[in-house]
N, C-alpha and C. Protein backbone atom coordinates (compact mmCIF):
# COMPACT_ATOMS: atom_id res chain seq x y z
N MET A 1 -172.97 -80.05 38.32
CA MET A 1 -174.17 -79.62 39.02
C MET A 1 -174.59 -80.73 39.97
N SER A 2 -174.78 -80.38 41.19
CA SER A 2 -175.21 -81.34 42.18
C SER A 2 -176.67 -81.07 42.53
N LEU A 3 -177.45 -82.13 42.58
CA LEU A 3 -178.87 -82.01 42.88
C LEU A 3 -179.12 -82.17 44.37
N ASN A 4 -180.04 -81.36 44.92
CA ASN A 4 -180.40 -81.55 46.32
C ASN A 4 -181.52 -82.59 46.42
N ASN A 5 -181.88 -82.98 47.62
CA ASN A 5 -182.88 -84.04 47.83
C ASN A 5 -184.23 -83.69 47.23
N ARG A 6 -184.63 -82.44 47.34
CA ARG A 6 -185.93 -82.03 46.80
C ARG A 6 -185.95 -82.17 45.27
N GLN A 7 -184.86 -81.78 44.63
CA GLN A 7 -184.77 -81.90 43.17
C GLN A 7 -184.75 -83.35 42.73
N VAL A 8 -184.04 -84.21 43.46
CA VAL A 8 -184.00 -85.64 43.12
C VAL A 8 -185.39 -86.25 43.26
N ARG A 9 -186.11 -85.92 44.31
CA ARG A 9 -187.48 -86.43 44.48
C ARG A 9 -188.38 -85.98 43.34
N HIS A 10 -188.25 -84.73 42.94
CA HIS A 10 -189.03 -84.20 41.83
C HIS A 10 -188.72 -84.95 40.54
N LEU A 11 -187.43 -85.17 40.27
CA LEU A 11 -187.02 -85.88 39.05
C LEU A 11 -187.48 -87.33 39.07
N ARG A 12 -187.41 -87.98 40.23
CA ARG A 12 -187.89 -89.37 40.33
C ARG A 12 -189.37 -89.45 39.98
N GLY A 13 -190.14 -88.47 40.41
CA GLY A 13 -191.55 -88.43 40.07
C GLY A 13 -191.77 -88.27 38.57
N LEU A 14 -190.94 -87.46 37.94
CA LEU A 14 -191.06 -87.26 36.49
C LEU A 14 -190.65 -88.50 35.70
N THR A 15 -189.70 -89.27 36.21
CA THR A 15 -189.23 -90.45 35.47
C THR A 15 -190.23 -91.59 35.51
N HIS A 16 -191.16 -91.52 36.45
CA HIS A 16 -192.11 -92.63 36.61
C HIS A 16 -192.82 -92.97 35.30
N ASN A 17 -193.23 -91.97 34.55
CA ASN A 17 -194.00 -92.20 33.32
C ASN A 17 -193.13 -92.31 32.06
N LEU A 18 -191.82 -92.17 32.20
CA LEU A 18 -190.94 -92.25 31.03
C LEU A 18 -190.68 -93.70 30.63
N GLN A 19 -190.44 -93.90 29.35
CA GLN A 19 -190.01 -95.19 28.83
C GLN A 19 -188.50 -95.11 28.57
N PRO A 20 -187.78 -96.22 28.69
CA PRO A 20 -186.34 -96.19 28.39
C PRO A 20 -186.09 -95.78 26.95
N VAL A 21 -185.14 -94.86 26.75
CA VAL A 21 -184.85 -94.37 25.40
C VAL A 21 -183.63 -95.05 24.79
N VAL A 22 -182.77 -95.64 25.62
CA VAL A 22 -181.58 -96.34 25.13
C VAL A 22 -181.45 -97.64 25.92
N MET A 23 -181.09 -98.72 25.22
CA MET A 23 -180.84 -99.99 25.89
C MET A 23 -179.37 -100.35 25.72
N VAL A 24 -178.72 -100.66 26.84
CA VAL A 24 -177.33 -101.09 26.83
C VAL A 24 -177.35 -102.59 27.11
N ALA A 25 -176.75 -103.38 26.22
CA ALA A 25 -176.82 -104.83 26.37
C ALA A 25 -175.43 -105.45 26.27
N ASP A 26 -175.33 -106.55 25.56
CA ASP A 26 -174.12 -107.39 25.52
C ASP A 26 -172.83 -106.65 25.18
N LYS A 27 -172.88 -105.73 24.24
CA LYS A 27 -171.66 -105.06 23.79
C LYS A 27 -171.23 -103.94 24.72
N GLY A 28 -172.06 -103.58 25.66
CA GLY A 28 -171.69 -102.58 26.65
C GLY A 28 -171.79 -101.16 26.14
N LEU A 29 -171.02 -100.27 26.75
CA LEU A 29 -171.05 -98.86 26.43
C LEU A 29 -170.10 -98.54 25.28
N THR A 30 -170.51 -98.89 24.08
CA THR A 30 -169.72 -98.59 22.90
C THR A 30 -169.83 -97.09 22.60
N GLU A 31 -169.03 -96.63 21.66
CA GLU A 31 -169.07 -95.21 21.29
C GLU A 31 -170.44 -94.83 20.73
N ASN A 32 -171.06 -95.74 19.96
CA ASN A 32 -172.38 -95.45 19.41
C ASN A 32 -173.43 -95.33 20.51
N VAL A 33 -173.37 -96.20 21.50
CA VAL A 33 -174.32 -96.15 22.61
C VAL A 33 -174.11 -94.86 23.40
N MET A 34 -172.86 -94.49 23.66
CA MET A 34 -172.58 -93.25 24.39
C MET A 34 -173.06 -92.04 23.60
N ALA A 35 -172.93 -92.08 22.28
CA ALA A 35 -173.42 -90.98 21.45
C ALA A 35 -174.94 -90.86 21.55
N GLU A 36 -175.65 -91.99 21.58
CA GLU A 36 -177.11 -91.97 21.74
C GLU A 36 -177.52 -91.43 23.10
N ILE A 37 -176.79 -91.81 24.15
CA ILE A 37 -177.08 -91.31 25.49
C ILE A 37 -176.85 -89.80 25.54
N GLU A 38 -175.74 -89.34 24.97
CA GLU A 38 -175.44 -87.90 24.92
C GLU A 38 -176.55 -87.14 24.19
N SER A 39 -176.97 -87.69 23.05
CA SER A 39 -178.02 -87.05 22.27
C SER A 39 -179.34 -87.00 23.05
N ALA A 40 -179.68 -88.10 23.72
CA ALA A 40 -180.92 -88.14 24.51
C ALA A 40 -180.86 -87.14 25.66
N LEU A 41 -179.72 -87.04 26.33
CA LEU A 41 -179.58 -86.08 27.42
C LEU A 41 -179.67 -84.64 26.92
N ASP A 42 -179.07 -84.37 25.76
CA ASP A 42 -179.15 -83.03 25.19
C ASP A 42 -180.59 -82.66 24.86
N HIS A 43 -181.31 -83.60 24.32
CA HIS A 43 -182.66 -83.32 23.86
C HIS A 43 -183.69 -83.34 24.99
N HIS A 44 -183.64 -84.34 25.85
CA HIS A 44 -184.67 -84.53 26.88
C HIS A 44 -184.26 -84.07 28.28
N GLU A 45 -182.99 -83.98 28.56
CA GLU A 45 -182.42 -83.68 29.89
C GLU A 45 -182.61 -84.82 30.89
N LEU A 46 -183.78 -85.39 30.96
CA LEU A 46 -184.08 -86.48 31.88
C LEU A 46 -184.37 -87.73 31.07
N VAL A 47 -183.53 -88.76 31.22
CA VAL A 47 -183.68 -89.96 30.41
C VAL A 47 -183.66 -91.20 31.29
N LYS A 48 -184.30 -92.23 30.78
CA LYS A 48 -184.33 -93.53 31.43
C LYS A 48 -183.63 -94.51 30.49
N LEU A 49 -182.71 -95.32 31.04
CA LEU A 49 -181.96 -96.29 30.25
C LEU A 49 -182.21 -97.69 30.76
N LYS A 50 -182.23 -98.66 29.87
CA LYS A 50 -182.34 -100.07 30.23
C LYS A 50 -180.95 -100.67 30.16
N LEU A 51 -180.46 -101.20 31.27
CA LEU A 51 -179.12 -101.78 31.35
C LEU A 51 -179.25 -103.28 31.56
N LYS A 52 -179.02 -104.05 30.51
CA LYS A 52 -179.21 -105.49 30.58
C LYS A 52 -177.88 -106.19 30.84
N ALA A 53 -177.60 -106.41 32.13
CA ALA A 53 -176.37 -107.10 32.53
C ALA A 53 -176.50 -107.47 34.00
N ASP A 54 -175.45 -108.10 34.53
CA ASP A 54 -175.47 -108.45 35.96
C ASP A 54 -175.26 -107.18 36.80
N ARG A 55 -175.49 -107.29 38.09
CA ARG A 55 -175.48 -106.14 38.99
C ARG A 55 -174.17 -105.36 38.98
N GLU A 56 -173.05 -106.06 39.04
CA GLU A 56 -171.75 -105.37 39.07
C GLU A 56 -171.49 -104.61 37.77
N THR A 57 -171.82 -105.23 36.65
CA THR A 57 -171.62 -104.57 35.37
C THR A 57 -172.51 -103.33 35.27
N ARG A 58 -173.75 -103.44 35.74
CA ARG A 58 -174.65 -102.28 35.72
C ARG A 58 -174.09 -101.15 36.56
N LYS A 59 -173.55 -101.46 37.73
CA LYS A 59 -172.96 -100.42 38.58
C LYS A 59 -171.80 -99.73 37.87
N GLN A 60 -170.97 -100.50 37.17
CA GLN A 60 -169.85 -99.92 36.43
C GLN A 60 -170.35 -99.02 35.30
N TRP A 61 -171.38 -99.49 34.59
CA TRP A 61 -171.94 -98.70 33.50
C TRP A 61 -172.52 -97.38 34.01
N VAL A 62 -173.24 -97.44 35.13
CA VAL A 62 -173.82 -96.22 35.70
C VAL A 62 -172.72 -95.23 36.05
N ALA A 63 -171.67 -95.70 36.70
CA ALA A 63 -170.56 -94.82 37.07
C ALA A 63 -169.89 -94.23 35.84
N GLU A 64 -169.74 -95.03 34.79
CA GLU A 64 -169.10 -94.55 33.57
C GLU A 64 -169.97 -93.52 32.86
N ILE A 65 -171.29 -93.74 32.84
CA ILE A 65 -172.20 -92.78 32.21
C ILE A 65 -172.15 -91.45 32.96
N VAL A 66 -172.17 -91.51 34.28
CA VAL A 66 -172.10 -90.29 35.09
C VAL A 66 -170.81 -89.53 34.80
N GLU A 67 -169.71 -90.26 34.73
CA GLU A 67 -168.41 -89.62 34.52
C GLU A 67 -168.27 -89.07 33.10
N ARG A 68 -168.57 -89.88 32.10
CA ARG A 68 -168.33 -89.47 30.72
C ARG A 68 -169.33 -88.46 30.19
N CYS A 69 -170.58 -88.52 30.67
CA CYS A 69 -171.62 -87.62 30.17
C CYS A 69 -171.79 -86.39 31.04
N GLY A 70 -171.25 -86.41 32.24
CA GLY A 70 -171.45 -85.28 33.15
C GLY A 70 -172.89 -85.22 33.65
N ALA A 71 -173.53 -86.37 33.70
CA ALA A 71 -174.93 -86.44 34.14
C ALA A 71 -175.01 -86.79 35.62
N GLU A 72 -176.16 -86.54 36.20
CA GLU A 72 -176.44 -86.92 37.58
C GLU A 72 -177.32 -88.16 37.56
N LYS A 73 -176.98 -89.15 38.38
CA LYS A 73 -177.84 -90.32 38.51
C LYS A 73 -179.03 -89.92 39.37
N VAL A 74 -180.22 -90.15 38.85
CA VAL A 74 -181.44 -89.83 39.60
C VAL A 74 -181.88 -91.04 40.39
N GLN A 75 -181.87 -92.21 39.73
CA GLN A 75 -182.40 -93.41 40.39
C GLN A 75 -182.01 -94.64 39.59
N THR A 76 -181.82 -95.76 40.29
CA THR A 76 -181.67 -97.05 39.63
C THR A 76 -182.60 -98.03 40.32
N ILE A 77 -183.36 -98.75 39.53
CA ILE A 77 -184.24 -99.81 40.02
C ILE A 77 -184.05 -100.99 39.10
N GLY A 78 -183.45 -102.05 39.63
CA GLY A 78 -183.21 -103.24 38.82
C GLY A 78 -182.35 -102.90 37.62
N GLN A 79 -182.88 -103.16 36.43
CA GLN A 79 -182.12 -102.94 35.20
C GLN A 79 -182.42 -101.59 34.55
N VAL A 80 -183.08 -100.71 35.27
CA VAL A 80 -183.44 -99.40 34.72
C VAL A 80 -182.76 -98.31 35.54
N ALA A 81 -182.11 -97.38 34.84
CA ALA A 81 -181.44 -96.27 35.50
C ALA A 81 -181.91 -94.96 34.86
N SER A 82 -182.04 -93.92 35.69
CA SER A 82 -182.46 -92.61 35.21
C SER A 82 -181.34 -91.61 35.45
N PHE A 83 -181.15 -90.73 34.47
CA PHE A 83 -180.08 -89.73 34.53
C PHE A 83 -180.63 -88.36 34.15
N PHE A 84 -179.99 -87.32 34.69
CA PHE A 84 -180.38 -85.95 34.40
C PHE A 84 -179.14 -85.13 34.09
N ARG A 85 -179.23 -84.32 33.05
CA ARG A 85 -178.19 -83.35 32.74
C ARG A 85 -178.86 -82.12 32.15
N ARG A 86 -178.67 -80.98 32.79
CA ARG A 86 -179.28 -79.72 32.36
C ARG A 86 -178.71 -79.29 31.01
N ASN A 87 -179.59 -78.89 30.10
CA ASN A 87 -179.19 -78.31 28.82
C ASN A 87 -179.13 -76.80 29.04
N PRO A 88 -177.92 -76.20 29.01
CA PRO A 88 -177.82 -74.77 29.33
C PRO A 88 -178.49 -73.85 28.31
N GLU A 89 -178.61 -74.29 27.05
CA GLU A 89 -179.20 -73.45 26.02
C GLU A 89 -180.72 -73.52 25.98
N LYS A 90 -181.27 -74.74 26.11
CA LYS A 90 -182.73 -74.92 26.05
C LYS A 90 -183.17 -75.82 27.22
N PRO A 91 -183.32 -75.28 28.43
CA PRO A 91 -183.78 -76.12 29.54
C PRO A 91 -185.18 -76.65 29.28
N VAL A 92 -185.38 -77.92 29.55
CA VAL A 92 -186.68 -78.57 29.35
C VAL A 92 -187.36 -78.81 30.68
N VAL A 93 -186.63 -79.29 31.66
CA VAL A 93 -187.18 -79.65 32.97
C VAL A 93 -187.03 -78.48 33.92
N ASP A 94 -188.13 -78.11 34.57
CA ASP A 94 -188.11 -77.04 35.57
C ASP A 94 -187.85 -77.66 36.94
N LEU A 95 -186.69 -77.37 37.51
CA LEU A 95 -186.32 -77.94 38.81
C LEU A 95 -186.75 -77.02 39.95
N PRO A 96 -187.24 -77.60 41.06
CA PRO A 96 -187.51 -76.76 42.23
C PRO A 96 -186.19 -76.33 42.87
N ARG A 97 -186.24 -75.32 43.67
CA ARG A 97 -185.03 -74.82 44.35
C ARG A 97 -184.65 -75.67 45.50
């Protein structure tokens, strides 16, 4: 699913008040961390993650999360990244057209 500009703007507004639900640190994207991200995306659809590493490592992690989880990157600011993945059975976030 690809998001258009209007939908991305809407999601960025919604992420403003969210707190990070998963923190990725020294050990990187382990299977347990990926399972937590998957669970958070299934439950919330829109999640904020704290990525504690240097810039290049964060970029790699973001690309890997997008690829492995099938999520869309909404925004990255410093060490915080936001992702969205629609839950087909129980949609939580109402996206504009």
